[in-house]
């Protein structure tokens, strides 16, 4: 006869393999999530930062609020730029609030 203590101890020899099989799906989910969500988001953030650094005078910009205007004053190290949204109407815009930069003087038709 097999005692209950011996029967319980018999499964511990393969316990390490069982734990590995339980952890593998979590690791695969993390790897898939990294390549499908995190990496593209990091790339988008890098591209947006490069876009903000490349803003120059006479570029047409679109803000997150939907304002479209021409850049009249932009310093490389400044956190704000000056945008002309109408003739003789200039506003200061925080650089991080720019969502799109268009080439000099171009206006996209709606």
Foldseek 3Di string as FASTA:
>chain_A
DDDPVNVVVVPPVCVVVVVVVVCVVVVVVVVVCCVPPVVVVVVVVVVLVVVLLPDDFQKWWAFLVGQIFGWHADDNPDQWTWTDRDVVDIDIDGSSRTDDIHGGPDDDDD
